């Protein structure tokens, strides 16, 4: 199925809306069309919630980036911008376990140099020797001219989800 960038973004937003808090970005100066925030709190307690044995907070900040032709310069610029914005949103503390910053670049075409840099991207940060958790940078690319979806090592699961949402035979609601 042929998609436009806008159709892909619309389909992803519909898919992510069940689990993520969606923030549409209306700024014409940035190609980021939406930020999707996910927060999860897990914990175990005995008898009362005040007697907590353990707790863990996970969060993900997923950015949908709409760029017609992805070049190396554009990739580096928006990767760094998104990483800085995501790091400012992380809530680090004793209960924090993991945070994921995930830009999804949606483009018609992509330079091979930018694709290679995206696949090799490894950004990781631990907080207080991992006692207060860590942050990992997952990156994915959807190239519409070829239908190819690529990701870095951390974003492999994101790429699988994108393939399922965009290229599965049956979409949710179809029978």
Protein backbone atom coordinates (compact mmCIF):
# COMPACT_ATOMS: atom_id res chain seq x y z
CA UNK A 1 0.00 0.00 0.00
CA UNK A 2 1.32 3.45 -0.98
CA UNK A 3 1.35 5.98 1.83
CA UNK A 4 1.96 9.70 2.04
CA UNK A 5 3.88 11.08 5.00
CA UNK A 6 0.68 12.61 6.38
CA UNK A 7 -1.21 9.31 6.05
CA UNK A 8 1.58 7.45 7.89
CA UNK A 9 1.57 10.03 10.70
CA UNK A 10 -2.22 9.82 10.97
CA UNK A 11 -2.15 6.02 11.11
CA UNK A 12 0.63 5.99 13.73
CA UNK A 13 -1.17 8.57 15.89
CA UNK A 14 -4.36 6.49 15.79
CA UNK A 15 -2.37 3.40 16.76
CA UNK A 16 -0.44 5.11 19.58
CA UNK A 17 -3.45 6.98 20.99
CA UNK A 18 -4.57 3.99 23.08
CA UNK A 19 -1.38 3.89 25.21
CA UNK A 20 0.35 7.24 24.72
CA UNK A 21 -0.46 10.83 25.62
CA UNK A 22 -0.33 12.58 22.24
CA UNK A 23 0.89 16.18 21.97
CA UNK A 24 0.49 17.65 18.47
CA UNK A 25 3.13 20.24 17.59
CA UNK A 26 1.87 23.09 15.41
CA UNK A 27 5.20 24.95 14.99
CA UNK A 28 6.14 25.54 11.33
CA UNK A 29 9.82 25.96 12.27
CA UNK A 30 10.28 22.30 13.28
CA UNK A 31 9.45 19.13 11.30
CA UNK A 32 8.29 17.38 14.48
CA UNK A 33 4.54 16.84 14.07
CA UNK A 34 3.80 15.08 17.36
CA UNK A 35 5.30 13.90 20.62
CA UNK A 36 3.82 10.78 22.19
CA UNK A 37 4.48 10.30 25.92
CA UNK A 38 4.17 6.96 27.70
CA UNK A 39 4.43 6.54 31.48
CA UNK A 40 4.31 3.28 33.43
CA UNK A 41 4.55 2.73 37.18
CA UNK A 42 5.01 -0.79 38.56
CA UNK A 43 5.32 -1.74 42.17
CA UNK A 44 4.80 -4.36 44.82
CA UNK A 45 3.57 -3.78 48.36
CA UNK A 46 2.61 -5.79 51.42
CA UNK A 47 -0.74 -5.34 53.19
CA UNK A 48 -0.90 -1.57 52.55
CA UNK A 49 0.42 0.66 49.79
CA UNK A 50 2.60 2.45 52.34
CA UNK A 51 4.62 -0.76 52.87
CA UNK A 52 6.11 -0.79 49.40
CA UNK A 53 8.65 -3.50 48.60
CA UNK A 54 9.75 -2.04 45.28
CA UNK A 55 8.64 0.29 42.53
CA UNK A 56 9.83 1.11 39.03
CA UNK A 57 8.92 3.93 36.68
CA UNK A 58 9.38 3.62 32.92
CA UNK A 59 8.75 6.33 30.38
CA UNK A 60 9.09 6.82 26.64
CA UNK A 61 9.06 10.00 24.59
CA UNK A 62 8.35 9.19 20.95
CA UNK A 63 8.70 11.96 18.34
CA UNK A 64 7.23 11.78 14.83
CA UNK A 65 9.50 13.73 12.45
CA UNK A 66 8.12 14.60 8.99
CA UNK A 67 10.97 15.32 6.53
CA UNK A 68 10.62 15.00 2.71
CA UNK A 69 14.30 14.06 2.09
CA UNK A 70 16.47 13.00 5.03
CA UNK A 71 20.09 14.14 4.72
CA UNK A 72 22.94 13.52 7.13
CA UNK A 73 22.84 17.16 8.33
CA UNK A 74 19.08 17.05 8.98
CA UNK A 75 19.38 13.70 10.75
CA UNK A 76 22.14 14.93 13.08
CA UNK A 77 20.38 18.24 13.77
CA UNK A 78 17.03 16.70 14.75
CA UNK A 79 18.56 13.70 16.54
CA UNK A 80 20.46 16.11 18.82
CA UNK A 81 17.44 18.41 19.27
CA UNK A 82 15.14 15.50 20.20
CA UNK A 83 17.73 13.96 22.51
CA UNK A 84 18.13 17.23 24.41
CA UNK A 85 14.35 17.75 24.64
CA UNK A 86 13.80 14.17 25.79
CA UNK A 87 16.55 14.37 28.44
CA UNK A 88 14.86 17.48 29.86
CA UNK A 89 11.56 15.56 30.20
CA UNK A 90 12.98 12.54 32.07
CA UNK A 91 12.00 12.27 35.74
CA UNK A 92 15.15 10.87 37.37
CA UNK A 93 14.91 9.70 40.97
CA UNK A 94 15.03 6.65 43.22
CA UNK A 95 12.00 4.99 41.55
CA UNK A 96 13.12 5.67 37.98
CA UNK A 97 14.08 2.55 36.05
CA UNK A 98 14.28 3.39 32.35
CA UNK A 99 13.49 6.12 29.86
CA UNK A 100 13.47 5.81 26.10
CA UNK A 101 13.79 8.70 23.68
CA UNK A 102 12.49 7.55 20.29
CA UNK A 103 12.53 9.73 17.18
CA UNK A 104 10.71 8.19 14.19
CA UNK A 105 11.84 9.84 10.96
CA UNK A 106 9.17 9.66 8.25
CA UNK A 107 10.54 10.62 4.83
CA UNK A 108 9.93 10.08 1.14
CA UNK A 109 13.63 9.50 0.40
CA UNK A 110 16.77 9.16 2.48
CA UNK A 111 20.49 9.51 1.81
CA UNK A 112 22.38 6.27 2.38
CA UNK A 113 24.84 8.12 4.64
CA UNK A 114 21.98 9.25 6.92
CA UNK A 115 20.55 5.69 7.03
CA UNK A 116 23.94 4.26 8.06
CA UNK A 117 24.35 6.91 10.78
CA UNK A 118 20.83 6.17 12.06
CA UNK A 119 21.54 2.43 12.25
CA UNK A 120 24.83 3.04 14.12
CA UNK A 121 23.35 5.55 16.61
CA UNK A 122 24.17 4.48 20.19
CA UNK A 123 23.22 7.03 22.84
CA UNK A 124 22.93 5.73 26.39
CA UNK A 125 23.10 7.43 29.78
CA UNK A 126 22.95 5.93 33.25
CA UNK A 127 21.94 7.97 36.29
CA UNK A 128 23.88 7.48 39.53
CA UNK A 129 25.57 4.29 38.25
CA UNK A 130 22.14 2.97 37.16
CA UNK A 131 20.77 3.15 40.71
CA UNK A 132 18.38 5.83 39.46
CA UNK A 133 17.85 4.15 36.09
CA UNK A 134 19.04 4.86 32.60
CA UNK A 135 18.05 6.51 29.33
CA UNK A 136 18.37 4.90 25.92
CA UNK A 137 17.95 6.41 22.46
CA UNK A 138 15.88 4.31 20.04
CA UNK A 139 15.69 5.59 16.47
CA UNK A 140 13.54 4.45 13.53
CA UNK A 141 13.24 5.47 9.89
CA UNK A 142 10.31 4.98 7.52
CA UNK A 143 11.29 5.58 3.88
CA UNK A 144 8.09 5.73 1.86
CA UNK A 145 9.62 5.50 -1.65
CA UNK A 146 10.90 1.98 -0.91
CA UNK A 147 8.59 0.99 1.97
CA UNK A 148 11.69 0.20 4.03
CA UNK A 149 11.73 0.56 7.81
CA UNK A 150 15.12 0.71 9.56
CA UNK A 151 16.20 1.23 13.15
CA UNK A 152 19.25 1.29 15.36
CA UNK A 153 19.95 -1.67 17.66
CA UNK A 154 17.83 -0.24 20.48
CA UNK A 155 14.94 0.55 18.13
CA UNK A 156 14.48 -2.91 16.64
CA UNK A 157 11.28 -3.45 18.63
CA UNK A 158 10.00 -0.05 17.49
CA UNK A 159 10.66 -1.06 13.86
CA UNK A 160 8.67 -4.29 14.36
CA UNK A 161 5.72 -2.32 15.73
CA UNK A 162 5.91 0.17 12.84
CA UNK A 163 5.90 -2.68 10.29
CA UNK A 164 2.92 -4.26 12.00
CA UNK A 165 0.95 -1.00 12.13
CA UNK A 166 1.74 0.12 8.58
CA UNK A 167 2.06 -3.09 6.56
CA UNK A 168 -0.12 -5.71 8.24
CA UNK A 169 -2.82 -7.25 6.04
CA UNK A 170 -5.63 -6.42 8.44
CA UNK A 171 -5.86 -3.12 10.24
CA UNK A 172 -7.77 -2.77 13.47
CA UNK A 173 -11.46 -2.57 12.71
CA UNK A 174 -11.22 -4.33 9.32
CA UNK A 175 -12.92 -7.71 9.15
